[in-house]
Amino acid sequence: MEIQNNIIKYIFQNVYFITGTAYAGKSTMIKLLSEKHDGICCGENYHDILMKAISKKEQPNLSYLSTMKDWQEFISRTPQEYDDWITGCGKEAADLEIVRLIQLVVQGKKVFVDTNISIKRLKEISDYNHVAIMLSPHSMSVEKFFDREDEEKQFILTQINRAKNPKEAMENYKKCLAKVNSDEKYKVYDNSGFFTMLRTDSRTISEALRTLENHFGL
């Protein structure tokens, strides 16, 4: 069964999407927005509750963690392989995200989402005042990637440190991150037509929150 995009857009009138690069403040903003506006916070990988539905055939990228040899294989992929995987996961996860959001909107609350749904798909199911793009400087999105107490990121860091050559493994992984956060990716965001906010040291968290509230019309 296929649900037409105009119907999904109608259903998502109370859904606010934030996408962008790593270390841009997306998770912080959706948490604060949901708390202030009595909404539902959909953090990174919020759709994991539906992961049991995937198959290796239909969702090979989302199934990669169960098919890979080990975590050393995970951290040793080439930048292109890593970027292809990230892109593939985003495409495959979009269906899970949309289904999960349909489940949540029936609660009647505003829903704030840290999403990996593509710009193209967001244009089909949402509109300008319901989507915000948050970007971090290139160097920050790579160099500060492991500077957070994020369980998943710290686990990857542990695996890098367990490699035969940790320094080489870290250099490779940073190249993978740089590929994902390349100039080409930034241009896609900049030319998307959606509202874009670049993280700066001069903007406080409260100022960023007010900026997003104004954009979302909250």
N, C-alpha and C. Protein backbone atom coordinates (compact mmCIF):
# COMPACT_ATOMS: atom_id res chain seq x y z
N MET A 1 0.84 -1.20 0.00
CA MET A 1 0.00 0.00 0.00
C MET A 1 0.87 1.24 0.00
N GLU A 2 0.53 2.22 -0.84
CA GLU A 2 1.28 3.47 -0.91
C GLU A 2 0.41 4.62 -0.42
N ILE A 3 0.94 5.40 0.52
CA ILE A 3 0.23 6.57 1.02
C ILE A 3 0.74 7.79 0.27
N GLN A 4 -0.13 8.55 -0.34
CA GLN A 4 0.27 9.71 -1.11
C GLN A 4 0.88 10.78 -0.19
N ASN A 5 1.85 11.51 -0.75
CA ASN A 5 2.61 12.48 0.05
C ASN A 5 1.74 13.59 0.63
N ASN A 6 0.70 14.02 -0.10
CA ASN A 6 -0.15 15.09 0.42
C ASN A 6 -0.89 14.66 1.68
N ILE A 7 -1.20 13.38 1.78
CA ILE A 7 -1.87 12.85 2.97
C ILE A 7 -0.89 12.81 4.14
N ILE A 8 0.34 12.36 3.86
CA ILE A 8 1.36 12.34 4.92
C ILE A 8 1.64 13.76 5.42
N LYS A 9 1.73 14.71 4.49
CA LYS A 9 2.00 16.11 4.86
C LYS A 9 0.88 16.63 5.78
N TYR A 10 -0.35 16.26 5.48
CA TYR A 10 -1.49 16.68 6.32
C TYR A 10 -1.38 16.06 7.71
N ILE A 11 -1.05 14.78 7.75
CA ILE A 11 -0.92 14.09 9.03
C ILE A 11 0.21 14.69 9.88
N PHE A 12 1.25 15.20 9.20
CA PHE A 12 2.45 15.71 9.89
C PHE A 12 2.39 17.21 10.19
N GLN A 13 1.19 17.77 10.33
CA GLN A 13 1.08 19.20 10.60
C GLN A 13 1.71 19.61 11.92
N ASN A 14 1.83 18.68 12.85
CA ASN A 14 2.43 18.97 14.15
C ASN A 14 3.81 18.33 14.31
N VAL A 15 4.43 17.97 13.19
CA VAL A 15 5.76 17.36 13.22
C VAL A 15 6.78 18.38 12.73
N TYR A 16 7.85 18.54 13.51
CA TYR A 16 8.90 19.50 13.19
C TYR A 16 10.23 18.75 13.06
N PHE A 17 10.81 18.82 11.87
CA PHE A 17 12.02 18.07 11.55
C PHE A 17 13.27 18.95 11.67
N ILE A 18 14.32 18.39 12.26
CA ILE A 18 15.63 19.03 12.25
C ILE A 18 16.63 18.03 11.68
N THR A 19 17.33 18.43 10.63
CA THR A 19 18.35 17.58 10.03
C THR A 19 19.63 18.39 9.89
N GLY A 20 20.69 17.76 9.41
CA GLY A 20 21.96 18.48 9.26
C GLY A 20 23.16 17.61 9.58
N THR A 21 24.24 18.26 9.95
CA THR A 21 25.51 17.56 10.17
C THR A 21 25.73 17.24 11.64
N ALA A 22 26.75 16.42 11.90
CA ALA A 22 27.10 16.06 13.27
C ALA A 22 27.59 17.28 14.04
N TYR A 23 27.34 17.26 15.34
CA TYR A 23 27.81 18.30 16.27
C TYR A 23 27.23 19.67 15.96
N ALA A 24 26.05 19.70 15.37
CA ALA A 24 25.41 20.98 15.07
C ALA A 24 24.44 21.42 16.15
N GLY A 25 24.09 20.49 17.07
CA GLY A 25 23.17 20.80 18.15
C GLY A 25 21.76 20.30 17.95
N LYS A 26 21.56 19.40 17.01
CA LYS A 26 20.22 18.89 16.70
C LYS A 26 19.56 18.22 17.89
N SER A 27 20.28 17.32 18.54
CA SER A 27 19.70 16.57 19.66
C SER A 27 19.36 17.49 20.83
N THR A 28 20.19 18.49 21.06
CA THR A 28 19.92 19.44 22.14
C THR A 28 18.65 20.23 21.85
N MET A 29 18.50 20.68 20.62
CA MET A 29 17.35 21.50 20.27
C MET A 29 16.04 20.74 20.33
N ILE A 30 16.00 19.52 19.83
CA ILE A 30 14.72 18.79 19.87
C ILE A 30 14.34 18.46 21.31
N LYS A 31 15.33 18.24 22.15
CA LYS A 31 15.06 17.96 23.56
C LYS A 31 14.46 19.20 24.23
N LEU A 32 15.07 20.36 24.00
CA LEU A 32 14.58 21.59 24.61
C LEU A 32 13.22 22.00 24.05
N LEU A 33 13.04 21.85 22.75
CA LEU A 33 11.76 22.19 22.13
C LEU A 33 10.62 21.32 22.67
N SER A 34 10.89 20.03 22.79
CA SER A 34 9.85 19.12 23.27
C SER A 34 9.51 19.39 24.73
N GLU A 35 10.52 19.75 25.53
CA GLU A 35 10.28 20.05 26.94
C GLU A 35 9.47 21.34 27.09
N LYS A 36 9.84 22.38 26.34
CA LYS A 36 9.19 23.68 26.47
C LYS A 36 7.77 23.67 25.92
N HIS A 37 7.54 22.89 24.88
CA HIS A 37 6.23 22.91 24.22
C HIS A 37 5.41 21.65 24.47
N ASP A 38 5.77 20.93 25.54
CA ASP A 38 5.04 19.72 25.94
C ASP A 38 4.85 18.78 24.76
N GLY A 39 5.95 18.59 24.04
CA GLY A 39 5.89 17.74 22.85
C GLY A 39 6.58 16.41 23.04
N ILE A 40 6.71 15.69 21.95
CA ILE A 40 7.37 14.38 21.95
C ILE A 40 8.74 14.55 21.31
N CYS A 41 9.76 14.06 21.99
CA CYS A 41 11.15 14.16 21.51
C CYS A 41 11.53 12.87 20.79
N CYS A 42 11.82 13.00 19.50
CA CYS A 42 12.27 11.85 18.72
C CYS A 42 13.75 12.02 18.42
N GLY A 43 14.59 11.48 19.29
CA GLY A 43 16.02 11.62 19.15
C GLY A 43 16.58 10.70 18.08
N GLU A 44 17.90 10.76 17.93
CA GLU A 44 18.58 9.95 16.92
C GLU A 44 18.20 8.48 17.08
N ASN A 45 17.85 7.85 15.97
CA ASN A 45 17.47 6.43 15.94
C ASN A 45 16.18 6.14 16.71
N TYR A 46 15.29 7.13 16.79
CA TYR A 46 14.01 6.93 17.50
C TYR A 46 13.17 5.83 16.87
N HIS A 47 13.46 5.49 15.63
CA HIS A 47 12.69 4.47 14.91
C HIS A 47 13.17 3.05 15.21
N ASP A 48 14.17 2.92 16.08
CA ASP A 48 14.73 1.59 16.37
C ASP A 48 13.69 0.61 16.89
N ILE A 49 12.61 1.12 17.44
CA ILE A 49 11.56 0.25 17.94
C ILE A 49 10.96 -0.62 16.83
N LEU A 50 11.18 -0.20 15.57
CA LEU A 50 10.64 -0.94 14.43
C LEU A 50 11.70 -1.76 13.69
N MET A 51 12.90 -1.82 14.23
CA MET A 51 14.00 -2.50 13.54
C MET A 51 13.77 -3.99 13.35
N LYS A 52 12.92 -4.58 14.16
CA LYS A 52 12.64 -6.01 14.00
C LYS A 52 11.91 -6.29 12.68
N ALA A 53 11.40 -5.25 12.07
CA ALA A 53 10.65 -5.43 10.82
C ALA A 53 11.55 -5.54 9.60
N ILE A 54 12.82 -5.15 9.73
CA ILE A 54 13.69 -5.11 8.55
C ILE A 54 14.16 -6.51 8.15
N SER A 55 14.60 -6.62 6.89
CA SER A 55 15.17 -7.87 6.39
C SER A 55 16.50 -7.58 5.70
N LYS A 56 17.36 -8.56 5.64
CA LYS A 56 18.67 -8.38 5.01
C LYS A 56 18.52 -8.11 3.51
N LYS A 57 17.46 -8.63 2.91
CA LYS A 57 17.25 -8.44 1.49
C LYS A 57 16.73 -7.04 1.18
N GLU A 58 15.72 -6.61 1.90
CA GLU A 58 15.07 -5.34 1.62
C GLU A 58 15.80 -4.15 2.22
N GLN A 59 16.48 -4.35 3.35
CA GLN A 59 17.20 -3.26 4.03
C GLN A 59 18.63 -3.71 4.35
N PRO A 60 19.45 -3.91 3.30
CA PRO A 60 20.82 -4.41 3.52
C PRO A 60 21.70 -3.47 4.34
N ASN A 61 21.50 -2.17 4.21
CA ASN A 61 22.33 -1.22 4.96
C ASN A 61 21.95 -1.21 6.44
N LEU A 62 20.67 -1.20 6.73
CA LEU A 62 20.23 -1.25 8.13
C LEU A 62 20.58 -2.59 8.77
N SER A 63 20.76 -3.62 7.94
CA SER A 63 21.09 -4.96 8.45
C SER A 63 22.60 -5.17 8.58
N TYR A 64 23.38 -4.19 8.16
CA TYR A 64 24.84 -4.35 8.11
C TYR A 64 25.46 -4.76 9.44
N LEU A 65 24.99 -4.20 10.53
CA LEU A 65 25.60 -4.51 11.84
C LEU A 65 25.44 -5.97 12.21
N SER A 66 24.43 -6.63 11.65
CA SER A 66 24.24 -8.06 11.94
C SER A 66 24.90 -8.96 10.91
N THR A 67 25.40 -8.37 9.80
CA THR A 67 26.03 -9.17 8.76
C THR A 67 27.54 -8.94 8.66
N MET A 68 28.03 -7.86 9.26
CA MET A 68 29.46 -7.57 9.19
C MET A 68 30.25 -8.62 9.97
N LYS A 69 31.53 -8.77 9.64
CA LYS A 69 32.39 -9.75 10.31
C LYS A 69 32.61 -9.38 11.75
N ASP A 70 33.01 -8.15 12.01
CA ASP A 70 33.22 -7.66 13.37
C ASP A 70 33.34 -6.14 13.32
N TRP A 71 33.58 -5.52 14.48
CA TRP A 71 33.64 -4.07 14.56
C TRP A 71 34.91 -3.51 13.93
N GLN A 72 35.93 -4.32 13.80
CA GLN A 72 37.13 -3.86 13.11
C GLN A 72 36.84 -3.66 11.62
N GLU A 73 35.98 -4.50 11.08
CA GLU A 73 35.55 -4.31 9.70
C GLU A 73 34.79 -2.99 9.59
N PHE A 74 33.94 -2.71 10.58
CA PHE A 74 33.14 -1.49 10.58
C PHE A 74 34.00 -0.23 10.51
N ILE A 75 35.04 -0.17 11.34
CA ILE A 75 35.86 1.05 11.40
C ILE A 75 36.91 1.13 10.29
N SER A 76 37.12 0.03 9.58
CA SER A 76 38.18 0.01 8.56
C SER A 76 37.67 0.19 7.13
N ARG A 77 36.38 0.45 6.98
CA ARG A 77 35.85 0.67 5.63
C ARG A 77 36.43 1.95 5.03
N THR A 78 36.43 2.01 3.72
CA THR A 78 36.93 3.20 3.04
C THR A 78 35.92 4.34 3.22
N PRO A 79 36.35 5.59 3.07
CA PRO A 79 35.41 6.71 3.17
C PRO A 79 34.22 6.58 2.22
N GLN A 80 34.45 6.10 1.01
CA GLN A 80 33.34 5.94 0.06
C GLN A 80 32.37 4.86 0.53
N GLU A 81 32.91 3.75 1.04
CA GLU A 81 32.05 2.68 1.55
C GLU A 81 31.23 3.18 2.73
N TYR A 82 31.86 3.94 3.60
CA TYR A 82 31.18 4.48 4.77
C TYR A 82 30.07 5.45 4.35
N ASP A 83 30.38 6.33 3.42
CA ASP A 83 29.41 7.31 2.94
C ASP A 83 28.23 6.62 2.25
N ASP A 84 28.52 5.61 1.45
CA ASP A 84 27.45 4.86 0.78
C ASP A 84 26.54 4.19 1.80
N TRP A 85 27.15 3.69 2.86
CA TRP A 85 26.37 3.02 3.92
C TRP A 85 25.47 4.01 4.65
N ILE A 86 26.02 5.17 5.01
CA ILE A 86 25.24 6.20 5.70
C ILE A 86 24.06 6.64 4.83
N THR A 87 24.34 6.87 3.55
CA THR A 87 23.29 7.28 2.62
C THR A 87 22.23 6.19 2.49
N GLY A 88 22.68 4.95 2.38
CA GLY A 88 21.76 3.82 2.26
C GLY A 88 20.90 3.64 3.49
N CYS A 89 21.49 3.82 4.66
CA CYS A 89 20.74 3.70 5.91
C CYS A 89 19.64 4.76 5.97
N GLY A 90 19.99 5.97 5.54
CA GLY A 90 19.01 7.04 5.56
C GLY A 90 17.81 6.75 4.68
N LYS A 91 18.08 6.21 3.50
CA LYS A 91 16.99 5.88 2.57
C LYS A 91 16.12 4.77 3.14
N GLU A 92 16.76 3.75 3.68
CA GLU A 92 16.00 2.61 4.21
C GLU A 92 15.25 2.97 5.48
N ALA A 93 15.84 3.83 6.30
CA ALA A 93 15.23 4.19 7.58
C ALA A 93 14.07 5.17 7.41
N ALA A 94 14.01 5.85 6.26
CA ALA A 94 12.94 6.84 6.05
C ALA A 94 11.56 6.22 6.22
N ASP A 95 11.37 5.03 5.68
CA ASP A 95 10.07 4.37 5.81
C ASP A 95 9.75 4.07 7.28
N LEU A 96 10.77 3.63 8.02
CA LEU A 96 10.57 3.34 9.44
C LEU A 96 10.24 4.61 10.21
N GLU A 97 10.94 5.70 9.86
CA GLU A 97 10.69 6.98 10.53
C GLU A 97 9.25 7.43 10.29
N ILE A 98 8.82 7.37 9.05
CA ILE A 98 7.47 7.83 8.71
C ILE A 98 6.41 7.00 9.42
N VAL A 99 6.59 5.69 9.45
CA VAL A 99 5.63 4.82 10.15
C VAL A 99 5.60 5.15 11.63
N ARG A 100 6.79 5.35 12.22
CA ARG A 100 6.86 5.65 13.66
C ARG A 100 6.20 7.00 13.96
N LEU A 101 6.39 7.98 13.09
CA LEU A 101 5.78 9.29 13.30
C LEU A 101 4.26 9.22 13.18
N ILE A 102 3.77 8.41 12.26
CA ILE A 102 2.33 8.22 12.14
C ILE A 102 1.77 7.64 13.44
N GLN A 103 2.53 6.73 14.05
CA GLN A 103 2.11 6.16 15.33
C GLN A 103 2.06 7.21 16.44
N LEU A 104 2.99 8.17 16.38
CA LEU A 104 3.12 9.15 17.45
C LEU A 104 2.16 10.33 17.33
N VAL A 105 1.86 10.75 16.10
CA VAL A 105 1.04 11.96 15.95
C VAL A 105 -0.38 11.78 16.48
N VAL A 106 -0.84 10.55 16.60
CA VAL A 106 -2.20 10.32 17.09
C VAL A 106 -2.34 10.75 18.55
N GLN A 107 -1.20 10.97 19.24
CA GLN A 107 -1.26 11.44 20.63
C GLN A 107 -1.68 12.90 20.71
N GLY A 108 -1.66 13.59 19.58
CA GLY A 108 -2.13 14.96 19.55
C GLY A 108 -1.13 16.00 20.02
N LYS A 109 0.10 15.60 20.24
CA LYS A 109 1.13 16.53 20.67
C LYS A 109 2.04 16.92 19.52
N LYS A 110 2.77 18.00 19.70
CA LYS A 110 3.79 18.37 18.73
C LYS A 110 4.93 17.36 18.82
N VAL A 111 5.51 17.03 17.68
CA VAL A 111 6.58 16.04 17.63
C VAL A 111 7.82 16.71 17.04
N PHE A 112 8.93 16.62 17.77
CA PHE A 112 10.19 17.23 17.32
C PHE A 112 11.18 16.12 16.99
N VAL A 113 11.68 16.15 15.75
CA VAL A 113 12.40 14.99 15.22
C VAL A 113 13.82 15.31 14.76
N ASP A 114 14.78 14.56 15.28
CA ASP A 114 16.15 14.56 14.75
C ASP A 114 16.15 13.51 13.65
N THR A 115 16.12 13.96 12.40
CA THR A 115 15.87 13.03 11.30
C THR A 115 17.03 12.88 10.33
N ASN A 116 17.06 11.73 9.67
CA ASN A 116 17.99 11.49 8.57
C ASN A 116 17.24 11.36 7.25
N ILE A 117 15.96 11.69 7.26
CA ILE A 117 15.19 11.65 6.02
C ILE A 117 15.80 12.65 5.05
N SER A 118 15.92 12.26 3.80
CA SER A 118 16.59 13.09 2.81
C SER A 118 15.85 14.40 2.55
N ILE A 119 16.59 15.39 2.04
CA ILE A 119 15.99 16.67 1.69
C ILE A 119 14.85 16.46 0.68
N LYS A 120 15.10 15.62 -0.31
CA LYS A 120 14.09 15.36 -1.34
C LYS A 120 12.79 14.82 -0.72
N ARG A 121 12.93 13.88 0.20
CA ARG A 121 11.74 13.27 0.82
C ARG A 121 11.04 14.27 1.75
N LEU A 122 11.82 15.08 2.46
CA LEU A 122 11.23 16.07 3.36
C LEU A 122 10.39 17.08 2.58
N LYS A 123 10.84 17.43 1.38
CA LYS A 123 10.06 18.35 0.55
C LYS A 123 8.73 17.74 0.14
N GLU A 124 8.69 16.42 0.07
CA GLU A 124 7.47 15.73 -0.34
C GLU A 124 6.47 15.60 0.80
N ILE A 125 6.97 15.46 2.04
CA ILE A 125 6.08 15.16 3.16
C ILE A 125 5.96 16.28 4.19
N SER A 126 6.70 17.38 3.99
CA SER A 126 6.65 18.48 4.94
C SER A 126 6.76 19.80 4.19
N ASP A 127 6.94 20.92 4.93
CA ASP A 127 7.07 22.21 4.27
C ASP A 127 8.11 23.07 4.96
N TYR A 128 8.34 24.27 4.43
CA TYR A 128 9.42 25.14 4.88
C TYR A 128 9.39 25.40 6.38
N ASN A 129 8.23 25.69 6.94
CA ASN A 129 8.13 26.06 8.36
C ASN A 129 8.10 24.87 9.30
N HIS A 130 8.29 23.68 8.76
CA HIS A 130 8.35 22.48 9.60
C HIS A 130 9.68 21.75 9.48
N VAL A 131 10.62 22.36 8.77
CA VAL A 131 11.94 21.74 8.59
C VAL A 131 13.03 22.78 8.86
N ALA A 132 14.04 22.38 9.62
CA ALA A 132 15.20 23.24 9.86
C ALA A 132 16.46 22.42 9.66
N ILE A 133 17.45 23.03 9.07
CA ILE A 133 18.74 22.38 8.85
C ILE A 133 19.77 23.03 9.76
N MET A 134 20.43 22.22 10.57
CA MET A 134 21.47 22.72 11.47
C MET A 134 22.83 22.18 11.01
N LEU A 135 23.76 23.08 10.81
CA LEU A 135 25.08 22.70 10.33
C LEU A 135 26.16 23.12 11.32
N SER A 136 27.22 22.34 11.38
CA SER A 136 28.40 22.70 12.17
C SER A 136 29.55 22.93 11.20
N PRO A 137 30.53 23.74 11.61
CA PRO A 137 31.71 23.92 10.74
C PRO A 137 32.33 22.57 10.41
N HIS A 138 32.89 22.44 9.23
CA HIS A 138 33.45 21.16 8.79
C HIS A 138 34.40 20.56 9.82
N SER A 139 35.31 21.36 10.33
CA SER A 139 36.31 20.85 11.26
C SER A 139 35.66 20.35 12.54
N MET A 140 34.61 21.04 12.99
CA MET A 140 33.93 20.65 14.23
C MET A 140 33.20 19.32 14.07
N SER A 141 32.55 19.11 12.93
CA SER A 141 31.79 17.89 12.72
C SER A 141 32.68 16.66 12.65
N VAL A 142 33.96 16.87 12.38
CA VAL A 142 34.90 15.75 12.32
C VAL A 142 35.73 15.66 13.60
N GLU A 143 36.40 16.74 13.95
CA GLU A 143 37.33 16.73 15.08
C GLU A 143 36.65 16.54 16.43
N LYS A 144 35.41 17.01 16.57
CA LYS A 144 34.72 16.92 17.85
C LYS A 144 33.70 15.78 17.89
N PHE A 145 33.75 14.92 16.91
CA PHE A 145 32.76 13.84 16.81
C PHE A 145 32.73 12.96 18.06
N PHE A 146 33.89 12.72 18.64
CA PHE A 146 33.95 11.84 19.81
C PHE A 146 34.00 12.60 21.13
N ASP A 147 33.76 13.91 21.10
CA ASP A 147 33.85 14.73 22.31
C ASP A 147 32.58 14.75 23.13
N ARG A 148 31.69 13.79 22.91
CA ARG A 148 30.44 13.74 23.65
C ARG A 148 30.30 12.39 24.34
N GLU A 149 29.56 12.41 25.44
CA GLU A 149 29.34 11.16 26.18
C GLU A 149 28.19 10.38 25.55
N ASP A 150 28.26 10.22 24.27
CA ASP A 150 27.28 9.45 23.51
C ASP A 150 27.73 8.00 23.52
N GLU A 151 26.88 7.11 24.01
CA GLU A 151 27.25 5.71 24.20
C GLU A 151 27.72 5.06 22.90
N GLU A 152 27.03 5.30 21.81
CA GLU A 152 27.40 4.68 20.53
C GLU A 152 28.74 5.20 20.02
N LYS A 153 28.93 6.52 20.12
CA LYS A 153 30.18 7.11 19.63
C LYS A 153 31.36 6.68 20.48
N GLN A 154 31.16 6.58 21.78
CA GLN A 154 32.23 6.14 22.66
C GLN A 154 32.58 4.67 22.43
N PHE A 155 31.58 3.88 22.04
CA PHE A 155 31.84 2.47 21.71
C PHE A 155 32.71 2.38 20.47
N ILE A 156 32.40 3.19 19.45
CA ILE A 156 33.21 3.20 18.23
C ILE A 156 34.63 3.64 18.55
N LEU A 157 34.76 4.64 19.41
CA LEU A 157 36.10 5.10 19.81
C LEU A 157 36.88 3.97 20.48
N THR A 158 36.20 3.16 21.28
CA THR A 158 36.84 2.01 21.93
C THR A 158 37.34 1.03 20.88
N GLN A 159 36.54 0.79 19.86
CA GLN A 159 36.94 -0.13 18.80
C GLN A 159 38.14 0.39 18.01
N ILE A 160 38.17 1.69 17.79
CA ILE A 160 39.32 2.31 17.11
C ILE A 160 40.58 2.11 17.93
N ASN A 161 40.46 2.29 19.22
CA ASN A 161 41.62 2.13 20.11
C ASN A 161 42.08 0.68 20.23
N ARG A 162 41.21 -0.26 19.84
CA ARG A 162 41.56 -1.68 19.88
C ARG A 162 42.17 -2.17 18.57
N ALA A 163 42.19 -1.32 17.57
CA ALA A 163 42.75 -1.69 16.26
C ALA A 163 44.25 -1.96 16.38
N LYS A 164 44.79 -2.72 15.42
CA LYS A 164 46.22 -3.02 15.43
C LYS A 164 47.04 -1.75 15.38
N ASN A 165 46.55 -0.78 14.62
CA ASN A 165 47.20 0.52 14.54
C ASN A 165 46.13 1.59 14.81
N PRO A 166 45.91 1.94 16.10
CA PRO A 166 44.86 2.89 16.46
C PRO A 166 44.98 4.25 15.76
N LYS A 167 46.20 4.74 15.60
CA LYS A 167 46.39 6.04 14.96
C LYS A 167 45.91 5.99 13.51
N GLU A 168 46.30 4.93 12.81
CA GLU A 168 45.89 4.76 11.41
C GLU A 168 44.38 4.58 11.31
N ALA A 169 43.82 3.82 12.26
CA ALA A 169 42.38 3.58 12.28
C ALA A 169 41.61 4.88 12.50
N MET A 170 42.12 5.73 13.41
CA MET A 170 41.46 7.00 13.67
C MET A 170 41.54 7.92 12.46
N GLU A 171 42.68 7.96 11.82
CA GLU A 171 42.84 8.80 10.62
C GLU A 171 41.86 8.37 9.54
N ASN A 172 41.70 7.05 9.38
CA ASN A 172 40.76 6.54 8.38
C ASN A 172 39.32 6.90 8.74
N TYR A 173 38.98 6.76 10.02
CA TYR A 173 37.61 7.04 10.43
C TYR A 173 37.28 8.52 10.28
N LYS A 174 38.26 9.38 10.55
CA LYS A 174 38.05 10.81 10.36
C LYS A 174 37.84 11.15 8.89
N LYS A 175 38.53 10.40 8.02
CA LYS A 175 38.32 10.61 6.58
C LYS A 175 36.90 10.18 6.21
N CYS A 176 36.40 9.14 6.87
CA CYS A 176 35.03 8.70 6.64
C CYS A 176 34.04 9.80 7.06
N LEU A 177 34.29 10.38 8.23
CA LEU A 177 33.43 11.46 8.72
C LEU A 177 33.50 12.68 7.81
N ALA A 178 34.71 12.97 7.33
CA ALA A 178 34.89 14.11 6.43
C ALA A 178 34.12 13.90 5.13
N LYS A 179 34.08 12.66 4.67
CA LYS A 179 33.36 12.33 3.44
C LYS A 179 31.86 12.56 3.64
N VAL A 180 31.36 12.12 4.78
CA VAL A 180 29.94 12.29 5.09
C VAL A 180 29.58 13.76 5.24
N ASN A 181 30.54 14.56 5.75
CA ASN A 181 30.31 15.99 5.97
C ASN A 181 31.09 16.84 4.96
N SER A 182 31.13 16.39 3.73
CA SER A 182 31.91 17.04 2.68
C SER A 182 31.27 18.34 2.20
N ASP A 183 32.04 19.12 1.43
CA ASP A 183 31.52 20.35 0.83
C ASP A 183 30.30 20.05 -0.03
N GLU A 184 30.34 18.94 -0.70
CA GLU A 184 29.22 18.55 -1.56
C GLU A 184 27.94 18.38 -0.75
N LYS A 185 28.07 17.75 0.42
CA LYS A 185 26.91 17.55 1.29
C LYS A 185 26.38 18.89 1.79
N TYR A 186 27.31 19.77 2.18
CA TYR A 186 26.91 21.10 2.66
C TYR A 186 26.14 21.86 1.58
N LYS A 187 26.59 21.74 0.34
CA LYS A 187 25.95 22.46 -0.76
C LYS A 187 24.52 21.97 -0.95
N VAL A 188 24.31 20.68 -0.75
CA VAL A 188 22.96 20.13 -0.86
C VAL A 188 22.05 20.79 0.17
N TYR A 189 22.56 20.94 1.39
CA TYR A 189 21.79 21.60 2.44
C TYR A 189 21.58 23.07 2.11
N ASP A 190 22.65 23.76 1.73
CA ASP A 190 22.58 25.20 1.45
C ASP A 190 21.63 25.52 0.31
N ASN A 191 21.56 24.64 -0.66
CA ASN A 191 20.72 24.88 -1.84
C ASN A 191 19.36 24.20 -1.75
N SER A 192 19.02 23.71 -0.57
CA SER A 192 17.79 22.94 -0.40
C SER A 192 16.54 23.82 -0.44
N GLY A 193 16.69 25.09 -0.08
CA GLY A 193 15.52 25.95 0.02
C GLY A 193 14.92 25.96 1.41
N PHE A 194 15.42 25.10 2.30
CA PHE A 194 14.95 25.07 3.68
C PHE A 194 15.74 26.06 4.54
N PHE A 195 15.18 26.40 5.70
CA PHE A 195 15.85 27.26 6.67
C PHE A 195 17.11 26.57 7.18
N THR A 196 18.21 27.30 7.18
CA THR A 196 19.51 26.73 7.58
C THR A 196 20.15 27.58 8.67
N MET A 197 20.70 26.92 9.69
CA MET A 197 21.37 27.62 10.78
C MET A 197 22.74 26.99 11.04
N LEU A 198 23.79 27.78 10.93
CA LEU A 198 25.14 27.31 11.17
C LEU A 198 25.52 27.52 12.62
N ARG A 199 26.07 26.50 13.25
CA ARG A 199 26.50 26.61 14.64
C ARG A 199 27.69 27.56 14.75
N THR A 200 27.61 28.50 15.69
CA THR A 200 28.71 29.43 15.94
C THR A 200 28.95 29.53 17.44
N ASP A 201 30.16 29.93 17.81
CA ASP A 201 30.50 30.09 19.22
C ASP A 201 29.77 31.28 19.84
N SER A 202 29.38 32.24 19.02
CA SER A 202 28.74 33.45 19.53
C SER A 202 27.26 33.27 19.86
N ARG A 203 26.61 32.25 19.27
CA ARG A 203 25.19 32.03 19.51
C ARG A 203 24.99 31.10 20.71
N THR A 204 24.24 31.55 21.70
CA THR A 204 23.98 30.74 22.88
C THR A 204 22.90 29.70 22.58
N ILE A 205 22.77 28.72 23.45
CA ILE A 205 21.75 27.69 23.28
C ILE A 205 20.35 28.31 23.31
N SER A 206 20.14 29.26 24.23
CA SER A 206 18.82 29.91 24.32
C SER A 206 18.52 30.72 23.07
N GLU A 207 19.53 31.34 22.48
CA GLU A 207 19.33 32.09 21.24
C GLU A 207 19.00 31.16 20.08
N ALA A 208 19.68 30.03 20.03
CA ALA A 208 19.40 29.04 18.97
C ALA A 208 17.97 28.52 19.12
N LEU A 209 17.56 28.30 20.36
CA LEU A 209 16.21 27.81 20.62
C LEU A 209 15.17 28.82 20.15
N ARG A 210 15.37 30.10 20.48
CA ARG A 210 14.42 31.14 20.05
C ARG A 210 14.37 31.25 18.53
N THR A 211 15.53 31.11 17.89
CA THR A 211 15.58 31.18 16.43
C THR A 211 14.73 30.08 15.81
N LEU A 212 14.85 28.87 16.33
CA LEU A 212 14.07 27.75 15.81
C LEU A 212 12.59 27.91 16.12
N GLU A 213 12.27 28.41 17.31
CA GLU A 213 10.87 28.64 17.66
C GLU A 213 10.23 29.64 16.69
N ASN A 214 10.95 30.69 16.39
CA ASN A 214 10.44 31.70 15.45
C ASN A 214 10.23 31.09 14.06
N HIS A 215 11.18 30.28 13.64
CA HIS A 215 11.06 29.65 12.33
C HIS A 215 9.87 28.70 12.28
N PHE A 216 9.70 27.91 13.34
CA PHE A 216 8.62 26.94 13.38
C PHE A 216 7.26 27.58 13.70
N GLY A 217 7.29 28.87 14.08
CA GLY A 217 6.04 29.55 14.44
C GLY A 217 5.45 29.06 15.73
N LEU A 218 6.31 28.74 16.70
CA LEU A 218 5.84 28.20 17.98
C LEU A 218 5.63 29.31 19.00
